[in-house]
N, C-alpha and C. Protein backbone atom coordinates (compact mmCIF):
# COMPACT_ATOMS: atom_id res chain seq x y z
N MET A 1 -49.72 203.50 106.75
CA MET A 1 -49.91 202.57 105.65
C MET A 1 -48.91 201.42 105.63
N ASN A 2 -47.61 201.81 105.96
CA ASN A 2 -46.54 200.78 106.00
C ASN A 2 -46.90 199.72 107.01
N ILE A 3 -47.32 200.22 108.22
CA ILE A 3 -47.70 199.32 109.28
C ILE A 3 -48.80 198.40 108.87
N VAL A 4 -49.83 199.00 108.16
CA VAL A 4 -50.98 198.21 107.71
C VAL A 4 -50.48 197.07 106.78
N ARG A 5 -49.57 197.45 105.88
CA ARG A 5 -49.06 196.46 104.86
C ARG A 5 -48.36 195.35 105.60
N SER A 6 -47.49 195.71 106.55
CA SER A 6 -46.71 194.73 107.32
C SER A 6 -47.65 193.81 108.12
N GLY A 7 -48.70 194.43 108.70
CA GLY A 7 -49.61 193.61 109.47
C GLY A 7 -50.40 192.72 108.52
N PHE A 8 -50.72 193.16 107.35
CA PHE A 8 -51.48 192.33 106.37
C PHE A 8 -50.66 191.11 105.97
N CYS A 9 -49.27 191.35 105.78
CA CYS A 9 -48.46 190.26 105.33
C CYS A 9 -48.25 189.27 106.46
N ILE A 10 -48.13 189.71 107.71
CA ILE A 10 -47.99 188.87 108.84
C ILE A 10 -49.26 188.03 108.92
N GLY A 11 -50.42 188.66 108.71
CA GLY A 11 -51.66 187.95 108.79
C GLY A 11 -51.71 186.83 107.73
N LEU A 12 -51.21 187.17 106.45
CA LEU A 12 -51.19 186.16 105.41
C LEU A 12 -50.33 184.99 105.75
N MET A 13 -49.10 185.36 106.35
CA MET A 13 -48.18 184.25 106.78
C MET A 13 -48.79 183.32 107.78
N GLY A 14 -49.56 183.99 108.77
CA GLY A 14 -50.17 183.14 109.76
C GLY A 14 -51.25 182.30 109.17
N LEU A 15 -52.01 182.82 108.22
CA LEU A 15 -53.01 181.97 107.53
C LEU A 15 -52.42 180.86 106.75
N PHE A 16 -51.32 181.14 106.07
CA PHE A 16 -50.59 180.15 105.25
C PHE A 16 -50.14 178.97 106.11
N LEU A 17 -49.48 179.37 107.23
CA LEU A 17 -48.90 178.31 108.12
C LEU A 17 -50.12 177.50 108.71
N THR A 18 -51.17 178.17 109.06
CA THR A 18 -52.29 177.48 109.69
C THR A 18 -52.87 176.46 108.76
N THR A 19 -53.16 176.96 107.47
CA THR A 19 -53.75 176.10 106.50
C THR A 19 -52.77 174.91 106.18
N THR A 20 -51.48 175.21 106.19
CA THR A 20 -50.54 174.19 105.84
C THR A 20 -50.56 172.99 106.88
N VAL A 21 -50.69 173.42 108.15
CA VAL A 21 -50.85 172.40 109.21
C VAL A 21 -52.08 171.66 109.13
N ALA A 22 -53.17 172.42 108.82
CA ALA A 22 -54.47 171.75 108.70
C ALA A 22 -54.44 170.80 107.53
N TRP A 23 -53.84 171.18 106.37
CA TRP A 23 -53.68 170.29 105.22
C TRP A 23 -52.96 169.02 105.58
N ALA A 24 -51.95 169.14 106.44
CA ALA A 24 -51.21 167.93 106.78
C ALA A 24 -52.07 167.01 107.50
N GLY A 25 -52.98 167.54 108.33
CA GLY A 25 -54.03 166.70 108.95
C GLY A 25 -53.50 166.09 110.26
N ILE A 26 -54.43 165.69 111.17
CA ILE A 26 -54.10 165.01 112.39
C ILE A 26 -54.54 163.60 112.28
N ALA A 27 -53.69 162.67 112.48
CA ALA A 27 -54.06 161.26 112.25
C ALA A 27 -55.10 160.87 113.34
N PRO A 28 -56.10 160.07 112.93
CA PRO A 28 -57.09 159.55 113.83
C PRO A 28 -56.47 158.86 114.96
N GLN A 29 -57.00 159.02 116.23
CA GLN A 29 -56.38 158.49 117.36
C GLN A 29 -57.02 157.21 117.88
N THR A 30 -58.25 156.95 117.49
CA THR A 30 -58.99 155.79 117.99
C THR A 30 -59.39 154.89 116.83
N GLU A 31 -59.72 153.61 117.14
CA GLU A 31 -60.15 152.68 116.11
C GLU A 31 -61.51 153.17 115.54
N GLU A 32 -62.34 153.85 116.38
CA GLU A 32 -63.63 154.26 115.92
C GLU A 32 -63.43 155.36 114.91
N GLU A 33 -62.46 156.30 115.14
CA GLU A 33 -62.23 157.38 114.15
C GLU A 33 -61.67 156.80 112.89
N MET A 34 -60.79 155.82 112.97
CA MET A 34 -60.18 155.23 111.83
C MET A 34 -61.31 154.43 111.00
N GLU A 35 -62.24 153.79 111.70
CA GLU A 35 -63.17 153.00 111.00
C GLU A 35 -64.19 153.99 110.32
N ALA A 36 -64.43 155.15 110.83
CA ALA A 36 -65.34 156.11 110.18
C ALA A 36 -64.78 156.57 108.85
N LEU A 37 -63.42 156.46 108.67
CA LEU A 37 -62.77 156.88 107.41
C LEU A 37 -62.56 155.74 106.43
N SER A 38 -62.85 154.54 106.92
CA SER A 38 -62.47 153.35 106.15
C SER A 38 -63.52 152.78 105.18
N SER A 39 -63.02 152.31 104.06
CA SER A 39 -63.92 151.51 103.20
C SER A 39 -63.88 150.08 103.54
N LEU A 40 -62.74 149.60 104.10
CA LEU A 40 -62.62 148.20 104.52
C LEU A 40 -61.87 148.18 105.84
N VAL A 41 -62.29 147.35 106.74
CA VAL A 41 -61.46 146.98 107.93
C VAL A 41 -61.32 145.47 107.95
N VAL A 42 -60.11 145.06 107.93
CA VAL A 42 -59.83 143.64 107.75
C VAL A 42 -58.65 143.13 108.58
N GLU A 43 -58.63 141.92 108.93
CA GLU A 43 -57.45 141.22 109.45
C GLU A 43 -56.88 140.57 108.26
N ALA A 44 -55.54 140.70 108.03
CA ALA A 44 -54.95 140.22 106.85
C ALA A 44 -53.43 139.99 107.04
N GLU A 45 -52.87 139.25 106.07
CA GLU A 45 -51.39 138.88 106.04
C GLU A 45 -50.88 139.22 104.69
N VAL A 46 -49.66 139.85 104.71
CA VAL A 46 -48.99 140.12 103.41
C VAL A 46 -48.38 138.82 102.92
N VAL A 47 -48.79 138.34 101.80
CA VAL A 47 -48.22 137.06 101.28
C VAL A 47 -47.32 137.22 100.07
N SER A 48 -47.20 138.46 99.50
CA SER A 48 -46.21 138.69 98.42
C SER A 48 -46.03 140.11 98.23
N VAL A 49 -44.81 140.48 97.75
CA VAL A 49 -44.49 141.85 97.41
C VAL A 49 -43.78 141.85 96.05
N ALA A 50 -44.12 142.83 95.20
CA ALA A 50 -43.55 142.83 93.83
C ALA A 50 -43.33 144.28 93.39
N VAL A 51 -42.20 144.49 92.69
CA VAL A 51 -41.96 145.78 92.08
C VAL A 51 -42.75 145.93 90.84
N VAL A 52 -43.45 147.06 90.72
CA VAL A 52 -44.32 147.28 89.53
C VAL A 52 -43.92 148.47 88.63
N GLY A 53 -42.82 149.21 89.06
CA GLY A 53 -42.38 150.22 88.24
C GLY A 53 -41.32 151.13 88.97
N VAL A 54 -40.69 152.00 88.20
CA VAL A 54 -39.70 152.94 88.76
C VAL A 54 -39.95 154.29 88.13
N THR A 55 -39.90 155.37 88.97
CA THR A 55 -39.97 156.73 88.43
C THR A 55 -38.63 157.40 88.83
N GLU A 56 -37.96 158.03 87.79
CA GLU A 56 -36.67 158.60 88.05
C GLU A 56 -36.69 160.10 87.73
N VAL A 57 -36.14 160.92 88.58
CA VAL A 57 -35.77 162.27 88.32
C VAL A 57 -34.29 162.37 88.44
N PRO A 58 -33.53 162.57 87.33
CA PRO A 58 -32.08 162.55 87.42
C PRO A 58 -31.46 163.44 88.50
N ASP A 59 -30.52 162.94 89.30
CA ASP A 59 -29.85 163.65 90.36
C ASP A 59 -30.77 164.14 91.51
N GLU A 60 -31.97 163.56 91.60
CA GLU A 60 -32.94 163.98 92.66
C GLU A 60 -33.49 162.80 93.36
N VAL A 61 -34.33 161.98 92.62
CA VAL A 61 -35.06 160.95 93.30
C VAL A 61 -35.24 159.79 92.34
N GLN A 62 -35.18 158.59 92.92
CA GLN A 62 -35.50 157.40 92.18
C GLN A 62 -36.51 156.67 93.02
N ARG A 63 -37.74 156.65 92.57
CA ARG A 63 -38.85 156.09 93.33
C ARG A 63 -39.18 154.70 92.78
N VAL A 64 -39.04 153.65 93.60
CA VAL A 64 -39.46 152.31 93.24
C VAL A 64 -40.87 152.06 93.72
N HIS A 65 -41.76 151.70 92.76
CA HIS A 65 -43.12 151.41 93.13
C HIS A 65 -43.32 149.96 93.33
N LEU A 66 -43.87 149.62 94.53
CA LEU A 66 -44.15 148.26 94.94
C LEU A 66 -45.60 148.00 95.26
N GLU A 67 -45.97 146.76 95.19
CA GLU A 67 -47.33 146.42 95.58
C GLU A 67 -47.29 145.11 96.52
N ALA A 68 -47.96 145.30 97.60
CA ALA A 68 -48.14 144.19 98.57
C ALA A 68 -49.48 143.53 98.35
N THR A 69 -49.44 142.21 98.26
CA THR A 69 -50.70 141.47 98.16
C THR A 69 -51.01 140.83 99.51
N LEU A 70 -52.22 141.13 100.03
CA LEU A 70 -52.63 140.66 101.33
C LEU A 70 -53.74 139.58 101.18
N LYS A 71 -53.61 138.57 101.99
CA LYS A 71 -54.65 137.57 102.08
C LYS A 71 -55.54 137.92 103.24
N VAL A 72 -56.85 138.13 103.10
CA VAL A 72 -57.76 138.55 104.14
C VAL A 72 -58.12 137.30 104.96
N THR A 73 -58.03 137.41 106.31
CA THR A 73 -58.41 136.30 107.16
C THR A 73 -59.66 136.62 107.92
N TYR A 74 -60.02 137.90 108.03
CA TYR A 74 -61.27 138.22 108.70
C TYR A 74 -61.71 139.61 108.27
N ASP A 75 -63.01 139.71 107.89
CA ASP A 75 -63.60 140.87 107.40
C ASP A 75 -64.46 141.58 108.44
N TYR A 76 -63.96 142.73 108.96
CA TYR A 76 -64.73 143.45 109.95
C TYR A 76 -65.74 144.38 109.33
N LEU A 77 -65.41 144.96 108.18
CA LEU A 77 -66.25 145.98 107.60
C LEU A 77 -65.97 146.10 106.05
N GLY A 78 -67.04 146.21 105.33
CA GLY A 78 -66.96 146.56 103.96
C GLY A 78 -67.01 145.44 102.84
N GLY A 79 -67.10 144.17 103.35
CA GLY A 79 -67.16 143.09 102.38
C GLY A 79 -65.96 142.97 101.54
N SER A 80 -64.87 142.64 102.20
CA SER A 80 -63.61 142.53 101.42
C SER A 80 -63.47 141.40 100.56
N PRO A 81 -62.69 141.51 99.48
CA PRO A 81 -62.36 140.29 98.65
C PRO A 81 -61.42 139.41 99.43
N GLU A 82 -61.19 138.21 98.87
CA GLU A 82 -60.24 137.32 99.58
C GLU A 82 -58.82 137.78 99.66
N THR A 83 -58.37 138.54 98.57
CA THR A 83 -57.03 139.16 98.62
C THR A 83 -57.24 140.64 98.15
N LEU A 84 -56.31 141.49 98.59
CA LEU A 84 -56.30 142.83 98.20
C LEU A 84 -54.86 143.36 97.98
N VAL A 85 -54.72 144.47 97.39
CA VAL A 85 -53.42 145.06 97.00
C VAL A 85 -53.22 146.43 97.65
N ILE A 86 -52.06 146.67 98.24
CA ILE A 86 -51.74 147.97 98.78
C ILE A 86 -50.46 148.40 98.12
N PRO A 87 -50.48 149.43 97.33
CA PRO A 87 -49.23 150.00 96.75
C PRO A 87 -48.47 150.78 97.76
N PHE A 88 -47.10 150.81 97.66
CA PHE A 88 -46.34 151.68 98.42
C PHE A 88 -45.03 151.94 97.63
N ASN A 89 -44.16 152.84 98.13
CA ASN A 89 -42.96 153.19 97.42
C ASN A 89 -41.75 153.19 98.28
N TRP A 90 -40.62 152.98 97.68
CA TRP A 90 -39.24 153.15 98.29
C TRP A 90 -38.52 154.17 97.46
N ASP A 91 -37.95 155.23 98.19
CA ASP A 91 -37.29 156.27 97.57
C ASP A 91 -35.78 156.21 97.79
N PHE A 92 -35.05 156.40 96.69
CA PHE A 92 -33.59 156.66 96.73
C PHE A 92 -33.39 158.12 96.45
N ILE A 93 -32.87 158.88 97.48
CA ILE A 93 -32.90 160.31 97.36
C ILE A 93 -31.46 160.90 97.04
N GLN A 94 -31.44 161.80 96.15
CA GLN A 94 -30.24 162.61 95.86
C GLN A 94 -30.70 164.01 95.57
N PRO A 95 -30.16 165.05 96.24
CA PRO A 95 -29.26 164.92 97.38
C PRO A 95 -29.98 164.77 98.70
N ALA A 96 -29.24 164.69 99.79
CA ALA A 96 -29.85 164.40 101.02
C ALA A 96 -30.33 165.64 101.84
N ASP A 97 -30.10 166.82 101.25
CA ASP A 97 -30.45 167.97 101.93
C ASP A 97 -31.77 168.60 101.66
N VAL A 98 -32.62 167.86 100.94
CA VAL A 98 -33.96 168.32 100.64
C VAL A 98 -34.94 167.48 101.48
N VAL A 99 -35.77 168.13 102.22
CA VAL A 99 -36.66 167.48 103.10
C VAL A 99 -38.07 167.71 102.79
N SER A 100 -38.98 166.67 102.75
CA SER A 100 -40.37 166.87 102.61
C SER A 100 -41.06 166.05 103.74
N CYS A 101 -42.21 166.49 104.01
CA CYS A 101 -42.91 165.77 105.09
C CYS A 101 -44.36 165.62 104.79
N GLY A 102 -44.92 164.44 104.83
CA GLY A 102 -46.25 164.23 104.52
C GLY A 102 -46.62 162.75 104.61
N PHE A 103 -47.85 162.47 104.69
CA PHE A 103 -48.18 160.99 104.86
C PHE A 103 -48.02 160.29 103.55
N THR A 104 -47.31 159.18 103.60
CA THR A 104 -47.26 158.26 102.47
C THR A 104 -47.46 156.85 103.06
N GLU A 105 -47.87 155.93 102.20
CA GLU A 105 -48.13 154.60 102.61
C GLU A 105 -46.94 153.98 103.27
N PRO A 106 -47.20 153.43 104.55
CA PRO A 106 -46.01 152.66 105.08
C PRO A 106 -45.67 151.50 104.26
N HIS A 107 -44.45 150.94 104.48
CA HIS A 107 -44.07 149.72 103.76
C HIS A 107 -44.75 148.49 104.34
N HIS A 108 -45.02 147.52 103.46
CA HIS A 108 -45.70 146.30 103.90
C HIS A 108 -44.90 145.06 103.32
N TRP A 109 -44.35 144.23 104.14
CA TRP A 109 -43.47 143.19 103.78
C TRP A 109 -44.07 141.87 104.06
N VAL A 110 -43.71 140.82 103.27
CA VAL A 110 -44.18 139.46 103.55
C VAL A 110 -43.98 139.04 105.00
N GLY A 111 -45.05 138.52 105.56
CA GLY A 111 -45.04 138.06 106.99
C GLY A 111 -45.75 139.02 107.94
N GLU A 112 -46.03 140.23 107.46
CA GLU A 112 -46.84 141.30 108.25
C GLU A 112 -48.17 140.75 108.37
N LYS A 113 -48.73 140.77 109.59
CA LYS A 113 -50.08 140.44 109.87
C LYS A 113 -50.72 141.42 110.88
N GLY A 114 -51.95 141.72 110.68
CA GLY A 114 -52.59 142.72 111.54
C GLY A 114 -53.96 143.08 111.14
N LYS A 115 -54.51 144.06 111.80
CA LYS A 115 -55.88 144.64 111.50
C LYS A 115 -55.58 145.90 110.74
N TYR A 116 -56.12 145.98 109.58
CA TYR A 116 -55.92 147.15 108.72
C TYR A 116 -57.16 147.98 108.48
N PHE A 117 -57.05 149.27 108.57
CA PHE A 117 -58.13 150.22 108.33
C PHE A 117 -57.77 150.90 106.92
N LEU A 118 -58.52 150.61 105.96
CA LEU A 118 -58.13 150.95 104.56
C LEU A 118 -59.22 151.72 103.87
N TRP A 119 -58.73 152.62 102.99
CA TRP A 119 -59.57 153.41 101.98
C TRP A 119 -59.41 152.87 100.66
N ASP A 120 -60.39 153.02 99.86
CA ASP A 120 -60.37 152.50 98.44
C ASP A 120 -59.70 153.47 97.59
N ARG A 121 -58.44 153.12 96.98
CA ARG A 121 -57.76 153.98 96.11
C ARG A 121 -58.20 153.88 94.68
N GLY A 122 -59.07 152.89 94.43
CA GLY A 122 -59.53 152.68 93.05
C GLY A 122 -58.66 151.66 92.34
N GLU A 123 -59.27 151.07 91.25
CA GLU A 123 -58.52 150.10 90.44
C GLU A 123 -58.06 148.89 91.28
N GLY A 124 -58.90 148.51 92.30
CA GLY A 124 -58.61 147.32 93.12
C GLY A 124 -57.49 147.45 94.09
N THR A 125 -57.10 148.64 94.39
CA THR A 125 -56.02 148.85 95.42
C THR A 125 -56.53 149.67 96.57
N TYR A 126 -55.81 149.52 97.70
CA TYR A 126 -56.25 150.17 98.93
C TYR A 126 -55.05 150.81 99.64
N GLY A 127 -55.29 151.71 100.64
CA GLY A 127 -54.28 152.29 101.41
C GLY A 127 -54.72 152.53 102.80
N GLN A 128 -53.81 152.60 103.75
CA GLN A 128 -54.24 152.88 105.16
C GLN A 128 -54.77 154.29 105.23
N VAL A 129 -55.87 154.50 106.14
CA VAL A 129 -56.45 155.79 106.31
C VAL A 129 -55.53 156.78 106.95
N SER A 130 -54.57 156.25 107.76
CA SER A 130 -53.60 157.15 108.32
C SER A 130 -52.32 156.29 108.49
N TYR A 131 -51.23 156.89 108.93
CA TYR A 131 -49.97 156.19 108.98
C TYR A 131 -49.98 155.07 110.01
N ASP A 132 -50.73 155.26 111.10
CA ASP A 132 -50.76 154.26 112.21
C ASP A 132 -52.04 153.41 112.13
N ALA A 133 -52.73 153.32 110.99
CA ALA A 133 -53.96 152.64 110.94
C ALA A 133 -53.74 151.18 110.62
N MET A 134 -52.90 150.51 111.25
CA MET A 134 -52.62 149.09 111.18
C MET A 134 -52.10 148.65 112.55
N PHE A 135 -52.74 147.62 113.11
CA PHE A 135 -52.38 147.10 114.41
C PHE A 135 -51.85 145.71 114.23
N GLU A 136 -50.54 145.57 114.36
CA GLU A 136 -49.93 144.22 114.20
C GLU A 136 -50.28 143.26 115.30
N VAL A 137 -50.52 142.02 114.87
CA VAL A 137 -50.77 140.97 115.87
C VAL A 137 -49.46 140.39 116.33
N GLU A 138 -49.55 139.58 117.42
CA GLU A 138 -48.25 139.13 118.07
C GLU A 138 -47.47 138.23 117.08
N GLU A 139 -48.16 137.41 116.19
CA GLU A 139 -47.37 136.49 115.30
C GLU A 139 -46.90 137.19 114.05
N SER A 140 -47.10 138.50 113.90
CA SER A 140 -46.51 139.22 112.73
C SER A 140 -45.10 139.16 112.68
N ASP A 141 -44.51 138.90 111.51
CA ASP A 141 -43.06 138.72 111.36
C ASP A 141 -42.68 139.27 109.93
N PRO A 142 -42.78 140.56 109.74
CA PRO A 142 -42.44 141.08 108.39
C PRO A 142 -40.96 140.85 108.10
N GLN A 143 -40.70 140.65 106.84
CA GLN A 143 -39.33 140.36 106.30
C GLN A 143 -38.96 141.45 105.31
N PRO A 144 -38.54 142.59 105.75
CA PRO A 144 -38.24 143.70 104.81
C PRO A 144 -37.15 143.45 103.82
N TRP A 145 -37.24 143.98 102.63
CA TRP A 145 -36.14 143.83 101.68
C TRP A 145 -35.06 144.84 101.99
N THR A 146 -33.88 144.50 101.66
CA THR A 146 -32.79 145.47 101.76
C THR A 146 -32.88 146.38 100.47
N ALA A 147 -32.10 147.50 100.61
CA ALA A 147 -32.02 148.39 99.46
C ALA A 147 -31.46 147.72 98.30
N GLU A 148 -30.53 146.86 98.50
CA GLU A 148 -29.84 146.10 97.33
C GLU A 148 -30.91 145.23 96.79
N GLU A 149 -31.77 144.52 97.52
CA GLU A 149 -32.70 143.63 96.97
C GLU A 149 -33.78 144.35 96.19
N ILE A 150 -34.14 145.60 96.64
CA ILE A 150 -35.13 146.43 95.95
C ILE A 150 -34.52 146.79 94.57
N LEU A 151 -33.24 147.24 94.52
CA LEU A 151 -32.66 147.67 93.28
C LEU A 151 -32.55 146.55 92.25
N GLU A 152 -32.25 145.33 92.79
CA GLU A 152 -32.10 144.18 91.97
C GLU A 152 -33.44 143.83 91.36
N ALA A 153 -34.54 143.94 92.16
CA ALA A 153 -35.88 143.66 91.72
C ALA A 153 -36.34 144.71 90.71
N ALA A 154 -35.95 145.98 90.88
CA ALA A 154 -36.31 147.06 90.01
C ALA A 154 -35.55 147.08 88.63
N TYR A 155 -34.37 146.49 88.69
CA TYR A 155 -33.55 146.47 87.46
C TYR A 155 -33.07 145.04 87.26
N PRO A 156 -33.96 144.11 86.89
CA PRO A 156 -33.59 142.73 86.79
C PRO A 156 -32.61 142.38 85.61
N THR A 157 -32.68 143.21 84.56
CA THR A 157 -31.88 142.90 83.41
C THR A 157 -30.79 143.84 83.05
N GLU A 158 -30.56 144.77 84.05
CA GLU A 158 -29.42 145.71 83.86
C GLU A 158 -28.77 146.07 85.18
N GLU A 159 -27.61 146.74 85.13
CA GLU A 159 -26.86 147.14 86.33
C GLU A 159 -27.67 148.28 86.96
N PRO A 160 -28.08 148.10 88.25
CA PRO A 160 -28.72 149.16 88.95
C PRO A 160 -27.86 150.36 89.27
N PRO A 161 -28.46 151.49 89.23
CA PRO A 161 -27.58 152.73 89.55
C PRO A 161 -27.27 152.74 91.01
N THR A 162 -26.10 153.33 91.33
CA THR A 162 -25.65 153.40 92.78
C THR A 162 -26.38 154.55 93.49
N GLN A 163 -26.93 154.30 94.59
CA GLN A 163 -27.63 155.21 95.35
C GLN A 163 -27.20 155.11 96.90
N ASP A 164 -26.86 156.30 97.47
CA ASP A 164 -26.36 156.34 98.81
C ASP A 164 -27.48 156.62 99.85
N ASN A 165 -28.43 157.43 99.49
CA ASN A 165 -29.43 157.90 100.49
C ASN A 165 -30.73 157.22 100.17
N THR A 166 -31.37 156.53 101.14
CA THR A 166 -32.61 155.96 100.99
C THR A 166 -33.60 156.37 102.04
N SER A 167 -34.91 156.34 101.73
CA SER A 167 -35.85 156.71 102.77
C SER A 167 -36.34 155.46 103.39
N GLY A 168 -36.70 155.53 104.65
CA GLY A 168 -37.15 154.33 105.34
C GLY A 168 -38.65 154.18 105.13
N ALA A 169 -39.36 154.09 106.26
CA ALA A 169 -40.80 153.94 106.07
C ALA A 169 -41.49 155.23 105.63
N GLY A 170 -42.76 155.17 105.30
CA GLY A 170 -43.46 156.36 104.84
C GLY A 170 -43.62 157.40 105.99
N GLY A 171 -44.31 158.47 105.65
CA GLY A 171 -44.50 159.52 106.67
C GLY A 171 -43.49 160.68 106.31
N CYS A 172 -42.91 161.29 107.37
CA CYS A 172 -41.99 162.35 107.11
C CYS A 172 -40.69 161.71 106.69
N SER A 173 -40.17 162.18 105.59
CA SER A 173 -38.93 161.48 105.05
C SER A 173 -38.12 162.46 104.21
N MET A 174 -36.85 162.12 103.97
CA MET A 174 -36.10 162.84 103.04
C MET A 174 -36.69 162.67 101.68
N GLY A 175 -36.79 163.77 100.90
CA GLY A 175 -37.37 163.59 99.64
C GLY A 175 -37.18 164.80 98.77
N ALA A 176 -37.26 164.63 97.46
CA ALA A 176 -37.06 165.79 96.56
C ALA A 176 -38.37 166.47 96.35
N GLY A 177 -39.44 165.90 96.88
CA GLY A 177 -40.82 166.44 96.57
C GLY A 177 -41.21 167.44 97.61
N SER A 178 -40.34 168.29 98.14
CA SER A 178 -40.79 169.23 99.10
C SER A 178 -41.63 170.24 98.51
N PRO A 179 -42.73 170.68 99.33
CA PRO A 179 -43.71 171.63 98.74
C PRO A 179 -43.22 172.95 98.47
N ALA A 180 -42.29 173.15 97.50
CA ALA A 180 -41.72 174.43 97.21
C ALA A 180 -42.83 175.36 96.74
N ASN A 181 -43.75 174.88 95.86
CA ASN A 181 -44.77 175.76 95.34
C ASN A 181 -45.65 176.27 96.40
N GLY A 182 -45.90 175.52 97.48
CA GLY A 182 -46.73 175.96 98.64
C GLY A 182 -46.09 176.96 99.43
N MET A 183 -44.72 177.02 99.35
CA MET A 183 -44.02 178.04 100.08
C MET A 183 -43.90 179.32 99.48
N MET A 184 -44.33 179.49 98.18
CA MET A 184 -44.23 180.77 97.46
C MET A 184 -44.96 181.87 98.08
N PRO A 185 -46.24 181.75 98.56
CA PRO A 185 -46.89 182.83 99.20
C PRO A 185 -46.06 183.35 100.44
N LEU A 186 -45.47 182.48 101.19
CA LEU A 186 -44.70 182.87 102.34
C LEU A 186 -43.44 183.70 101.89
N VAL A 187 -42.81 183.20 100.94
CA VAL A 187 -41.62 183.87 100.42
C VAL A 187 -41.98 185.25 99.90
N PHE A 188 -43.07 185.37 99.13
CA PHE A 188 -43.55 186.58 98.57
C PHE A 188 -43.83 187.61 99.74
N CYS A 189 -44.51 187.15 100.78
CA CYS A 189 -44.84 188.02 101.84
C CYS A 189 -43.59 188.52 102.64
N LEU A 190 -42.68 187.61 102.78
CA LEU A 190 -41.37 187.98 103.43
C LEU A 190 -40.67 189.05 102.64
N LEU A 191 -40.62 188.84 101.33
CA LEU A 191 -39.93 189.86 100.46
C LEU A 191 -40.72 191.19 100.52
N LEU A 192 -41.98 191.17 100.51
CA LEU A 192 -42.79 192.37 100.59
C LEU A 192 -42.57 193.10 101.88
N MET A 193 -42.52 192.38 102.98
CA MET A 193 -42.29 192.94 104.22
C MET A 193 -40.90 193.62 104.33
N LEU A 194 -39.91 192.89 103.83
CA LEU A 194 -38.62 193.54 103.82
C LEU A 194 -38.51 194.80 102.95
N ALA A 195 -39.22 194.76 101.80
CA ALA A 195 -39.26 195.96 100.99
C ALA A 195 -39.98 197.16 101.73
N THR A 196 -41.03 196.85 102.43
CA THR A 196 -41.80 197.86 103.10
C THR A 196 -40.94 198.45 104.25
N ILE A 197 -40.25 197.58 105.00
CA ILE A 197 -39.43 198.07 106.07
C ILE A 197 -38.28 198.88 105.63
N ARG A 198 -37.69 198.51 104.47
CA ARG A 198 -36.55 199.20 103.89
C ARG A 198 -37.03 200.60 103.43
N ARG A 199 -38.22 200.60 102.87
CA ARG A 199 -38.70 201.86 102.29
C ARG A 199 -39.06 202.78 103.53
N SER A 200 -39.57 202.26 104.54
CA SER A 200 -39.92 203.08 105.81
C SER A 200 -38.61 203.69 106.36
N THR A 201 -37.54 202.85 106.32
CA THR A 201 -36.27 203.32 106.93
C THR A 201 -35.71 204.45 106.06
N ALA A 202 -35.83 204.25 104.78
CA ALA A 202 -35.28 205.32 103.85
C ALA A 202 -36.01 206.60 104.02
N LEU A 203 -37.27 206.51 104.31
CA LEU A 203 -38.06 207.83 104.47
C LEU A 203 -37.78 208.43 105.83
């Protein structure tokens, strides 16, 4: 019976890890695969970036919400408007020892030009269908903001808080939003296995 329980928990852990990897997804590898997932496929240039809000969790994370406005220069698919908006975030992380990994929208700065494969996020905004679903053209020349410039834009009328740790582009990054809740089944099974083994040893 103890062996059966241990085997059952191992099976659950395997299922949990498999579904977690599947949930993370595999980024499309070809333009055809990206196009199949896209609402719009356009060639465009980022013409402006603005801070639209800040979300704060004290002593954990300070997320600055930004929006990039793109001017469409060629419409490959979807009947794009002349301009479109892509939201993205910049995170200031405290502490630095919490890691989360998952796809988030890459940063888009003024001067970036390329071919974008986009999905409709609603309310007139769009996002890349995968992290690498943008192909920069040769004349692309993005001008990223510094962390100091982002803080100044986020707090234009007050002294911005001091932050030491920042996340770079989207994708796997340092963050306070690690999927702790998703780890609970794994932790439970590990504890159950340890209890079962200890009980077997005692007998």
